[in-house]
Amino acid sequence: MKRRSLRTHRVPQTIDIIQPRRAVLRYWFSLCLCACFLLAESTPALSQVPGRWQGTAEVNGKPLLILFDISSPETGVFSATMDVPAQGAKGLPCDEVKSQGDSLFITIKMIGGRYLGRFNADRSATTGTLRQGNFTTALDLKRTGDALALNRPQTPKPPFPYASEDVEYDNPDKTVHLGATLTLPAGAGPFPAAILISGSGAQDRNSTLFGHKPFWVIADYLTRRGIAVLRVDDRNVGQSTGPAQGTSADFAQDVITSLEFLKNRKDIDPKKIGLIGHSEGGMLAPMVAVERPKDVAFIVSLAGPGEKITDLMVQQNVATLKSMKVSDPIAEGYGTMMGAMIGAASTEPDTASAYQKATTAFYAWRATVHPNVAAMLTGVADSSGVGKYIRTVVNSLRKPWERYFYAYDPTDNLTRLTCPVLALNGGKDIQVLAGPNLAGWETTLKKAGNKHVTVQELPGLNHLFQHCTTCTVAEYGELTETFDPEVLKLMTDWITAVVLP
């Protein structure tokens, strides 16, 4: 069969950021059930970092305007986005910003990009470079004003008809210190309670993303209706500290630490404490419930994985590429290749064998597509770049968190769950596809004999449970809705029916 031309399958301009030949270079790294956050180091100069920064880079001999919107930090966390107007890119999530001395660092995993700049004397401008894969261009930024105001009408505003208490506590061996906010309903306790568990990546207690604070919105809604809520800073964010490296199993222990904290409070009913987990948090909740079955009264999964992570990631890659108008055959072929590489990197006993299997999978896929398509999706233009690409992928996936996460199969824990479970997914979620994921939850739980299972797909909602239009990751920050009110009511009604009788 004759191959179609690159023009037919070209990834649209919205993803051709900076260097078109590396349009989606390592894009899939940014897709791992995560909310995208910027971690900030505490320095006196941080107050001068927030704002709208813009500059012009030279790409292929032409000027290209690039803008960064960096928000003010809350509990030590920034959120920021990147715009490239000429390429139709708006609100691309950034992943890390640091201000150290006279230097500014910004990482944008979605495009495989990193900015490094040095501030001038009054910190109103930087001189620096932007890298994307092997491409580097000079990029000097100027602070042109405050970050664009974000309309977030659901963010709770005082006065509040409930008590709010900032708390701190430690795990048993004092290696992890957690900071959190506990909201308590009006009236006399003890109250039923829920612990909110965030998704992948270090997040603050409000799960802040693009100015959205979904965990605060959830906590406010539940607490007004009689349910206490504990929302917690992840390790090394806000008031929380702990080892820098950790796996999902370690983070599950952090949830148990929070569980123990609530159990020891007189205003909380120890027999009515449940877990609400988003994305990876929906993976941690069953892990905790299986380890502490007598202490977890219920679980609400918000797009938590109900199938093997490797399967989920293949589906995610395919759905994301299709959302970028990549043709079905190319998207599906790429997904199959990445699934094989993920499997090799996360399960092979040694790095050499992982390299070998990943290389085999890459060449098998590359033989099925036009060379320009392979270059577009991976940044590998010829055979000389294959080795470096394979090493980058495999080495990234063999870190502790990645190996644990990608090798995870939820079946073992789901088959041992005895508490009531509510599993929800947005019907337009392209990070955790509702159909196969919810089928995994329902089939596994019911097969194991759990009779208290409610599974529901919610039409029109994305991974963050927002009503969406394009339903891409980049759209998250453009939407004013933080969390669908109907889902808030659904969760509250279900918890009330399950816990309060």
Protein backbone atom coordinates (compact mmCIF):
# COMPACT_ATOMS: atom_id res chain seq x y z
CA MET A 1 0.00 0.00 0.00
CA LYS A 2 1.33 3.41 -0.90
CA ARG A 3 2.14 5.59 2.07
CA ARG A 4 0.36 8.88 2.40
CA SER A 5 2.36 12.06 2.39
CA LEU A 6 3.40 13.96 5.49
CA ARG A 7 0.98 16.72 4.53
CA THR A 8 -1.95 14.32 5.01
CA HIS A 9 -0.91 13.40 8.54
CA ARG A 10 0.74 16.60 9.67
CA VAL A 11 0.29 17.41 13.34
CA PRO A 12 -1.56 20.74 13.49
CA GLN A 13 0.10 24.06 14.20
CA THR A 14 -1.21 24.10 17.75
CA ILE A 15 1.50 21.58 18.61
CA ASP A 16 4.25 22.80 16.25
CA ILE A 17 5.75 24.72 19.14
CA ILE A 18 9.11 26.41 18.50
CA GLN A 19 10.71 23.84 16.22
CA PRO A 20 8.17 22.23 13.85
CA ARG A 21 10.29 19.15 13.08
CA ARG A 22 10.16 18.32 16.79
CA ALA A 23 6.49 19.12 17.09
CA VAL A 24 5.50 16.50 19.66
CA LEU A 25 8.96 15.48 20.82
CA ARG A 26 8.50 13.38 23.94
CA TYR A 27 4.98 14.82 24.26
CA TRP A 28 3.69 11.63 25.81
CA PHE A 29 5.89 12.13 28.89
CA SER A 30 3.52 14.88 29.99
CA LEU A 31 0.42 12.71 29.77
CA CYS A 32 0.81 10.51 32.86
CA LEU A 33 -2.40 11.18 34.85
CA CYS A 34 -1.02 14.30 36.08
CA ALA A 35 -1.94 17.76 36.91
CA CYS A 36 0.81 20.07 35.72
CA PHE A 37 2.37 22.21 38.40
CA LEU A 38 5.31 24.56 38.88
CA LEU A 39 7.42 23.98 41.98
CA ALA A 40 8.98 27.11 43.40
CA GLU A 41 11.96 27.47 45.71
CA SER A 42 11.58 29.94 48.53
CA THR A 43 13.67 33.04 47.97
CA PRO A 44 13.06 36.74 48.69
CA ALA A 45 12.97 37.42 44.95
CA LEU A 46 10.02 35.15 44.27
CA SER A 47 7.61 38.06 44.61
CA GLN A 48 9.17 39.50 41.43
CA VAL A 49 8.71 36.32 39.38
CA PRO A 50 4.89 36.26 38.97
CA GLY A 51 3.59 38.13 35.97
CA ARG A 52 3.37 38.09 32.19
CA TRP A 53 6.75 37.59 30.51
CA GLN A 54 7.28 37.78 26.78
CA GLY A 55 10.09 37.71 24.25
CA THR A 56 10.88 36.94 20.62
CA ALA A 57 12.95 33.95 19.49
CA GLU A 58 14.35 33.34 16.01
CA VAL A 59 13.12 30.09 14.50
CA ASN A 60 13.98 29.09 10.95
CA GLY A 61 15.11 32.66 10.33
CA LYS A 62 11.80 34.17 11.44
CA PRO A 63 10.79 35.93 14.68
CA LEU A 64 8.44 34.02 16.97
CA LEU A 65 6.65 35.66 19.92
CA ILE A 66 6.61 33.54 23.09
CA LEU A 67 4.79 34.40 26.33
CA PHE A 68 4.75 32.93 29.83
CA ASP A 69 2.07 33.68 32.42
CA ILE A 70 3.36 32.89 35.92
CA SER A 71 0.87 33.11 38.75
CA SER A 72 1.50 34.21 42.32
CA PRO A 73 2.53 31.31 44.60
CA GLU A 74 0.07 29.78 47.01
CA THR A 75 1.42 27.45 49.69
CA GLY A 76 4.72 27.53 47.82
CA VAL A 77 3.34 26.52 44.43
CA PHE A 78 3.23 28.48 41.16
CA SER A 79 1.07 27.67 38.19
CA ALA A 80 2.04 28.89 34.73
CA THR A 81 1.24 28.58 31.06
CA MET A 82 3.02 29.21 27.77
CA ASP A 83 1.56 30.85 24.65
CA VAL A 84 2.95 30.86 21.11
CA PRO A 85 0.30 32.94 19.27
CA ALA A 86 1.68 32.45 15.74
CA GLN A 87 1.32 28.69 16.10
CA GLY A 88 -2.11 28.83 17.70
CA ALA A 89 -0.78 27.54 21.01
CA LYS A 90 -2.47 28.94 24.09
CA GLY A 91 -2.26 27.90 27.70
CA LEU A 92 0.29 25.12 27.33
CA PRO A 93 0.93 23.81 30.86
CA CYS A 94 4.42 24.29 32.29
CA ASP A 95 5.81 21.86 34.83
CA GLU A 96 8.50 23.54 36.87
CA VAL A 97 9.75 27.04 37.63
CA LYS A 98 12.64 27.90 39.87
CA SER A 99 14.23 31.19 40.81
CA GLN A 100 17.73 30.67 42.17
CA GLY A 101 19.93 33.69 42.70
CA ASP A 102 19.87 35.61 39.43
CA SER A 103 18.57 32.66 37.37
CA LEU A 104 15.10 31.67 36.17
CA PHE A 105 14.31 28.11 35.07
CA ILE A 106 11.08 27.00 33.36
CA THR A 107 10.34 23.45 32.16
CA ILE A 108 7.63 22.66 29.60
CA LYS A 109 7.46 18.88 29.28
CA MET A 110 4.62 18.97 26.76
CA ILE A 111 7.04 20.19 24.10
CA GLY A 112 10.23 18.77 25.62
CA GLY A 113 11.27 22.36 26.34
CA ARG A 114 13.31 24.16 28.98
CA TYR A 115 14.03 27.87 29.43
CA LEU A 116 17.09 29.18 31.29
CA GLY A 117 17.50 32.93 31.82
CA ARG A 118 19.40 35.38 33.98
CA PHE A 119 17.68 38.39 35.51
CA ASN A 120 18.91 41.92 34.99
CA ALA A 121 19.63 44.15 37.99
CA ASP A 122 16.02 45.15 38.72
CA ARG A 123 14.63 41.72 37.72
CA SER A 124 12.38 43.20 35.07
CA ALA A 125 13.95 41.19 32.23
CA THR A 126 16.03 38.09 31.54
CA THR A 127 18.67 37.10 29.02
CA GLY A 128 18.49 33.43 28.18
CA THR A 129 17.91 30.46 25.89
CA LEU A 130 15.03 28.11 25.14
CA ARG A 131 15.79 24.49 24.33
CA GLN A 132 13.51 21.94 22.70
CA GLY A 133 15.17 18.60 22.18
CA ASN A 134 18.39 19.33 20.29
CA PHE A 135 17.17 22.73 19.13
CA THR A 136 18.33 25.85 21.00
CA THR A 137 17.41 29.48 20.41
CA ALA A 138 18.14 32.71 22.22
CA LEU A 139 15.11 34.06 24.10
CA ASP A 140 15.21 37.24 26.19
CA LEU A 141 12.11 37.92 28.24
CA LYS A 142 10.63 41.14 29.61
CA ARG A 143 8.03 41.38 32.35
CA THR A 144 5.18 43.26 30.69
CA GLY A 145 2.70 43.27 33.54
CA ASP A 146 0.68 41.04 35.79
CA ALA A 147 -0.31 37.58 34.69
CA LEU A 148 -3.63 37.54 32.87
CA ALA A 149 -6.50 37.53 35.30
CA LEU A 150 -8.24 34.17 35.48
CA ASN A 151 -11.98 33.92 35.94
CA ARG A 152 -12.56 31.14 38.47
CA PRO A 153 -16.08 31.78 39.81
CA GLN A 154 -16.27 28.51 41.77
CA THR A 155 -13.33 29.32 44.04
CA PRO A 156 -14.89 29.51 47.53
CA LYS A 157 -15.21 32.96 49.07
CA PRO A 158 -15.85 33.94 52.71
CA PRO A 159 -17.76 34.06 54.90
CA PHE A 160 -17.90 30.30 55.42
CA PRO A 161 -20.58 28.54 57.48
CA TYR A 162 -18.03 26.05 58.79
CA ALA A 163 -14.72 25.95 60.64
CA SER A 164 -11.39 25.73 58.80
CA GLU A 165 -8.25 24.61 60.60
CA ASP A 166 -4.70 24.44 59.24
CA VAL A 167 -3.04 21.37 60.74
CA GLU A 168 0.35 19.63 60.63
CA TYR A 169 1.34 16.08 61.61
CA ASP A 170 4.07 13.48 61.07
CA ASN A 171 4.32 9.86 60.01
CA PRO A 172 5.42 7.37 62.71
CA ASP A 173 9.18 7.62 62.08
CA LYS A 174 9.09 11.43 61.56
CA THR A 175 10.53 11.21 58.04
CA VAL A 176 7.43 12.79 56.46
CA HIS A 177 5.77 15.95 57.77
CA LEU A 178 2.39 16.83 56.29
CA GLY A 179 0.60 20.17 56.22
CA ALA A 180 -3.13 20.22 55.54
CA THR A 181 -6.43 22.04 55.97
CA LEU A 182 -9.33 20.40 57.79
CA THR A 183 -12.80 21.87 57.26
CA LEU A 184 -15.43 20.95 59.85
CA PRO A 185 -19.21 21.36 59.46
CA ALA A 186 -21.18 23.60 61.76
CA GLY A 187 -22.68 21.92 64.78
CA ALA A 188 -21.59 19.17 67.10
CA GLY A 189 -19.51 16.23 65.90
CA PRO A 190 -18.24 13.68 65.52
CA PHE A 191 -18.52 14.10 61.76
CA PRO A 192 -18.05 11.75 58.83
CA ALA A 193 -14.94 12.74 56.88
CA ALA A 194 -13.20 12.43 53.53
CA ILE A 195 -9.50 12.65 52.69
CA LEU A 196 -8.76 14.15 49.26
CA ILE A 197 -5.88 12.45 47.38
CA SER A 198 -4.23 14.23 44.47
CA GLY A 199 -3.03 12.86 41.15
CA SER A 200 0.50 12.50 39.79
CA GLY A 201 3.06 15.19 40.47
CA ALA A 202 3.67 17.31 43.55
CA GLN A 203 0.53 19.33 44.20
CA ASP A 204 -0.70 21.68 46.90
CA ARG A 205 -3.65 20.95 49.15
CA ASN A 206 -6.07 22.67 46.76
CA SER A 207 -4.77 20.69 43.76
CA THR A 208 -4.17 24.07 42.09
CA LEU A 209 -3.94 24.04 38.30
CA PHE A 210 -4.24 27.09 35.99
CA GLY A 211 -5.77 29.00 38.88
CA HIS A 212 -8.38 26.28 39.40
CA LYS A 213 -8.59 24.89 42.95
CA PRO A 214 -10.73 21.76 42.55
CA PHE A 215 -9.96 20.28 45.98
CA TRP A 216 -11.02 23.49 47.69
CA VAL A 217 -14.23 23.49 45.65
CA ILE A 218 -14.92 19.86 46.63
CA ALA A 219 -14.08 20.49 50.29
CA ASP A 220 -16.33 23.54 50.46
CA TYR A 221 -19.28 21.69 48.93
CA LEU A 222 -18.98 18.59 51.13
CA THR A 223 -18.37 20.51 54.36
CA ARG A 224 -21.44 22.69 53.83
CA ARG A 225 -23.40 19.43 53.69
CA GLY A 226 -22.13 17.84 56.86
CA ILE A 227 -18.95 16.05 55.78
CA ALA A 228 -15.55 17.07 57.17
CA VAL A 229 -12.75 17.20 54.57
CA LEU A 230 -8.97 16.94 54.91
CA ARG A 231 -6.96 18.23 51.97
CA VAL A 232 -3.19 17.80 52.16
CA ASP A 233 -0.05 19.29 50.59
CA ASP A 234 1.96 16.62 48.80
CA ARG A 235 5.52 15.99 49.94
CA ASN A 236 7.82 19.02 49.57
CA VAL A 237 4.96 21.33 48.63
CA GLY A 238 3.62 24.02 50.96
CA GLN A 239 3.97 22.86 54.55
CA SER A 240 4.78 19.23 53.73
CA THR A 241 8.25 17.70 53.66
CA GLY A 242 9.69 14.25 53.07
CA PRO A 243 12.09 12.21 50.94
CA ALA A 244 12.37 13.64 47.43
CA GLN A 245 12.07 10.25 45.75
CA GLY A 246 9.03 8.08 46.33
CA THR A 247 6.70 5.63 44.62
CA SER A 248 2.93 5.36 44.71
CA ALA A 249 3.36 2.86 47.54
CA ASP A 250 5.17 5.52 49.58
CA PHE A 251 2.46 8.07 48.84
CA ALA A 252 -0.16 5.56 49.98
CA GLN A 253 1.61 5.52 53.34
CA ASP A 254 1.24 9.30 53.47
CA VAL A 255 -2.50 8.82 53.07
CA ILE A 256 -2.44 6.34 55.96
CA THR A 257 -0.67 8.98 58.05
CA SER A 258 -3.56 11.35 57.28
CA LEU A 259 -6.03 8.60 58.11
CA GLU A 260 -4.40 8.10 61.51
CA PHE A 261 -4.52 11.83 62.14
CA LEU A 262 -8.28 11.94 61.57
CA LYS A 263 -8.95 8.80 63.60
CA ASN A 264 -7.39 10.43 66.65
CA ARG A 265 -9.57 13.54 66.54
CA LYS A 266 -12.63 13.63 68.80
CA ASP A 267 -14.61 15.68 66.26
CA ILE A 268 -14.27 12.98 63.57
CA ASP A 269 -16.21 9.69 63.55
CA PRO A 270 -13.43 7.06 63.08
CA LYS A 271 -15.88 4.60 61.54
CA LYS A 272 -16.99 7.02 58.81
CA ILE A 273 -13.75 8.14 57.12
CA GLY A 274 -13.50 7.71 53.35
CA LEU A 275 -11.08 8.47 50.53
CA ILE A 276 -11.68 10.61 47.42
CA GLY A 277 -8.85 10.22 44.90
CA HIS A 278 -8.33 11.94 41.57
CA SER A 279 -6.29 10.22 38.84
CA GLU A 280 -3.29 8.60 40.60
CA GLY A 281 -5.10 9.42 43.83
CA GLY A 282 -7.81 7.02 42.66
CA MET A 283 -5.07 4.39 42.47
CA LEU A 284 -3.79 5.12 45.98
CA ALA A 285 -7.24 4.90 47.59
CA PRO A 286 -7.70 1.13 46.97
CA MET A 287 -4.11 0.51 48.08
CA VAL A 288 -4.87 2.17 51.41
CA ALA A 289 -8.28 0.53 51.79
CA VAL A 290 -6.82 -2.94 51.25
CA GLU A 291 -4.10 -2.33 53.85
CA ARG A 292 -6.53 -0.74 56.33
CA PRO A 293 -9.94 -2.31 55.52
CA LYS A 294 -11.47 -1.51 58.92
CA ASP A 295 -10.52 2.15 58.71
CA VAL A 296 -11.83 3.10 55.23
CA ALA A 297 -15.60 3.48 55.04
CA PHE A 298 -15.85 4.33 51.32
CA ILE A 299 -13.91 5.23 48.18
CA VAL A 300 -14.73 7.75 45.45
CA SER A 301 -12.53 7.40 42.37
CA LEU A 302 -12.36 10.43 40.10
CA ALA A 303 -10.78 9.04 36.92
CA GLY A 304 -8.62 6.65 38.93
CA PRO A 305 -7.16 3.68 37.00
CA GLY A 306 -9.32 0.58 36.80
CA GLU A 307 -7.12 -1.21 34.26
CA LYS A 308 -3.43 -1.92 33.78
CA ILE A 309 -1.45 1.28 33.57
CA THR A 310 0.33 0.11 30.41
CA ASP A 311 -3.05 -0.38 28.70
CA LEU A 312 -4.28 2.96 29.97
CA MET A 313 -1.18 4.72 28.67
CA VAL A 314 -1.55 3.23 25.20
CA GLN A 315 -5.15 4.46 25.08
CA GLN A 316 -4.07 7.86 26.37
CA ASN A 317 -1.37 8.30 23.74
CA VAL A 318 -3.74 7.31 20.95
CA ALA A 319 -6.55 9.56 22.18
CA THR A 320 -4.22 12.52 22.62
CA LEU A 321 -2.77 12.23 19.13
CA LYS A 322 -6.24 11.88 17.65
CA SER A 323 -7.28 15.05 19.50
CA MET A 324 -4.41 16.72 17.63
CA LYS A 325 -5.93 15.54 14.31
CA VAL A 326 -3.37 12.78 13.74
CA SER A 327 -4.96 10.03 11.61
CA ASP A 328 -6.30 6.93 13.38
CA PRO A 329 -3.77 4.43 11.89
CA ILE A 330 -0.76 6.57 12.78
CA ALA A 331 -2.06 7.33 16.29
CA GLU A 332 -2.83 3.68 16.97
CA GLY A 333 0.49 2.48 15.62
CA TYR A 334 2.35 5.00 17.75
CA GLY A 335 0.36 3.93 20.80
CA THR A 336 1.25 0.28 20.24
CA MET A 337 4.93 1.17 19.91
CA MET A 338 4.90 3.25 23.08
CA GLY A 339 3.09 0.50 24.96
CA ALA A 340 5.86 -1.93 24.05
CA MET A 341 8.53 0.55 25.09
CA ILE A 342 6.81 1.31 28.39
CA GLY A 343 6.47 -2.40 29.11
CA ALA A 344 10.13 -3.04 28.33
CA ALA A 345 11.40 -0.13 30.38
CA SER A 346 9.26 -0.82 33.45
CA THR A 347 9.45 -4.62 33.66
CA GLU A 348 12.79 -5.78 32.23
CA PRO A 349 15.25 -6.76 34.99
CA ASP A 350 18.17 -4.81 33.56
CA THR A 351 18.61 -1.68 31.49
CA ALA A 352 20.45 -3.42 28.65
CA SER A 353 17.55 -5.77 27.93
CA ALA A 354 15.12 -2.84 28.23
CA TYR A 355 17.15 -0.92 25.62
CA GLN A 356 17.11 -3.95 23.31
CA LYS A 357 13.36 -4.56 23.50
CA ALA A 358 12.55 -0.86 23.20
CA THR A 359 14.81 -0.56 20.15
CA THR A 360 13.11 -3.54 18.50
CA ALA A 361 9.68 -2.00 19.12
CA PHE A 362 10.81 1.38 17.77
CA TYR A 363 12.24 -0.02 14.51
CA ALA A 364 9.17 -2.22 13.96
CA TRP A 365 6.96 0.86 14.23
CA ARG A 366 9.27 3.11 12.21
CA ALA A 367 9.11 0.68 9.29
CA THR A 368 5.34 1.23 9.03
CA VAL A 369 5.29 5.03 8.74
CA HIS A 370 6.74 7.70 6.50
CA PRO A 371 10.17 8.85 7.80
CA ASN A 372 8.87 12.39 8.20
CA VAL A 373 6.02 11.12 10.39
CA ALA A 374 8.51 9.27 12.59
CA ALA A 375 10.59 12.42 12.87
CA MET A 376 7.50 14.50 13.67
CA LEU A 377 6.34 12.22 16.50
CA THR A 378 9.68 11.32 18.06
CA GLY A 379 12.26 13.86 16.91
CA VAL A 380 14.30 11.05 15.31
CA ALA A 381 15.08 12.08 11.75
CA ASP A 382 17.47 9.21 10.88
CA SER A 383 19.11 6.14 12.37
CA SER A 384 21.82 8.19 14.08
CA GLY A 385 19.26 9.56 16.54
CA VAL A 386 17.63 6.28 17.50
CA GLY A 387 20.08 5.35 20.25
CA LYS A 388 19.75 8.68 22.03
CA TYR A 389 15.96 8.57 21.76
CA ILE A 390 15.76 5.04 23.17
CA ARG A 391 18.09 5.91 26.05
CA THR A 392 16.05 9.01 26.88
CA VAL A 393 12.77 7.08 26.95
CA VAL A 394 14.04 4.02 28.79
CA ASN A 395 16.09 5.91 31.37
CA SER A 396 13.15 8.18 32.16
CA LEU A 397 10.88 5.18 32.68
CA ARG A 398 13.26 3.24 34.89
CA LYS A 399 13.21 5.73 37.74
CA PRO A 400 11.56 4.41 40.95
CA TRP A 401 8.19 6.16 40.65
CA GLU A 402 7.87 5.43 36.95
CA ARG A 403 8.75 1.73 37.26
CA TYR A 404 6.23 1.21 40.04
CA PHE A 405 3.53 3.23 38.34
CA TYR A 406 3.78 1.70 34.86
CA ALA A 407 4.01 -1.85 36.20
CA TYR A 408 0.92 -1.37 38.35
CA ASP A 409 -2.15 -3.55 37.77
CA PRO A 410 -5.11 -2.45 39.92
CA THR A 411 -6.80 -5.86 39.70
CA ASP A 412 -5.11 -7.26 42.81
CA ASN A 413 -6.27 -4.43 45.04
CA LEU A 414 -9.72 -4.07 43.49
CA THR A 415 -10.47 -7.75 44.02
CA ARG A 416 -9.83 -7.27 47.74
CA LEU A 417 -11.91 -4.13 48.23
CA THR A 418 -14.86 -4.63 50.56
CA CYS A 419 -15.96 -1.02 51.18
CA PRO A 420 -18.52 0.80 49.01
CA VAL A 421 -17.03 2.29 45.83
CA LEU A 422 -18.17 5.10 43.54
CA ALA A 423 -16.11 5.21 40.32
CA LEU A 424 -16.60 8.21 38.02
CA ASN A 425 -15.07 9.22 34.69
CA GLY A 426 -15.65 12.11 32.33
CA GLY A 427 -16.93 10.91 28.97
CA LYS A 428 -14.53 13.27 27.14
CA ASP A 429 -11.47 12.39 29.24
CA ILE A 430 -8.51 11.73 26.93
CA GLN A 431 -6.09 10.98 29.77
CA VAL A 432 -8.12 8.16 31.31
CA LEU A 433 -10.64 6.89 28.78
CA ALA A 434 -13.99 6.33 30.46
CA GLY A 435 -15.20 3.21 28.62
CA PRO A 436 -12.39 0.71 29.24
CA ASN A 437 -11.43 2.24 32.57
CA LEU A 438 -14.88 2.07 34.15
CA ALA A 439 -15.37 -1.41 32.73
CA GLY A 440 -12.25 -2.42 34.65
CA TRP A 441 -13.62 -1.05 37.91
CA GLU A 442 -17.06 -2.59 37.50
CA THR A 443 -16.01 -6.00 36.22
CA THR A 444 -13.26 -6.53 38.77
CA LEU A 445 -15.20 -5.33 41.80
CA LYS A 446 -18.38 -7.25 41.00
CA LYS A 447 -16.44 -10.39 40.13
CA ALA A 448 -14.84 -10.16 43.55
CA GLY A 449 -18.27 -10.03 45.17
CA ASN A 450 -18.38 -6.36 46.19
CA LYS A 451 -22.09 -5.51 46.20
CA HIS A 452 -21.69 -1.82 46.90
CA VAL A 453 -20.35 -0.59 43.57
CA THR A 454 -21.60 2.39 41.55
CA VAL A 455 -19.90 3.15 38.24
CA GLN A 456 -20.89 6.11 36.09
CA GLU A 457 -19.62 7.83 32.95
CA LEU A 458 -20.37 11.54 32.90
CA PRO A 459 -21.04 12.91 29.40
CA GLY A 460 -19.23 16.01 28.22
CA LEU A 461 -16.63 16.16 31.01
CA ASN A 462 -12.83 16.04 30.72
CA HIS A 463 -10.18 14.58 33.04
CA LEU A 464 -10.67 17.42 35.54
CA PHE A 465 -14.48 17.01 35.46
CA GLN A 466 -15.02 20.25 33.58
CA HIS A 467 -17.49 20.68 30.73
CA CYS A 468 -15.22 20.96 27.72
CA THR A 469 -15.32 21.92 24.05
CA THR A 470 -12.12 20.65 22.43
CA CYS A 471 -11.45 18.51 25.51
CA THR A 472 -7.68 18.69 25.07
CA VAL A 473 -5.16 19.09 27.89
CA ALA A 474 -4.36 22.62 26.73
CA GLU A 475 -8.02 23.63 27.16
CA TYR A 476 -8.05 23.01 30.94
CA GLY A 477 -6.83 26.51 31.73
CA GLU A 478 -9.17 28.20 29.23
CA LEU A 479 -12.30 26.95 30.97
CA THR A 480 -13.88 28.97 33.74
CA GLU A 481 -15.57 25.96 35.33
CA THR A 482 -13.39 24.29 37.95
CA PHE A 483 -15.53 21.23 38.76
CA ASP A 484 -18.96 20.23 37.50
CA PRO A 485 -21.59 21.08 40.19
CA GLU A 486 -23.65 18.04 39.22
CA VAL A 487 -20.71 15.77 40.03
CA LEU A 488 -20.33 17.51 43.39
CA LYS A 489 -23.97 16.75 44.15
CA LEU A 490 -23.64 13.18 42.87
CA MET A 491 -20.67 12.51 45.15
CA THR A 492 -22.31 14.13 48.17
CA ASP A 493 -25.62 12.30 47.73
CA TRP A 494 -23.80 8.98 47.31
CA ILE A 495 -21.57 9.50 50.37
CA THR A 496 -24.56 10.58 52.45
CA ALA A 497 -26.53 7.48 51.43
CA VAL A 498 -23.61 5.15 52.10
CA VAL A 499 -22.09 6.62 55.26
CA LEU A 500 -24.80 8.34 57.28
CA PRO A 501 -27.39 5.53 57.72
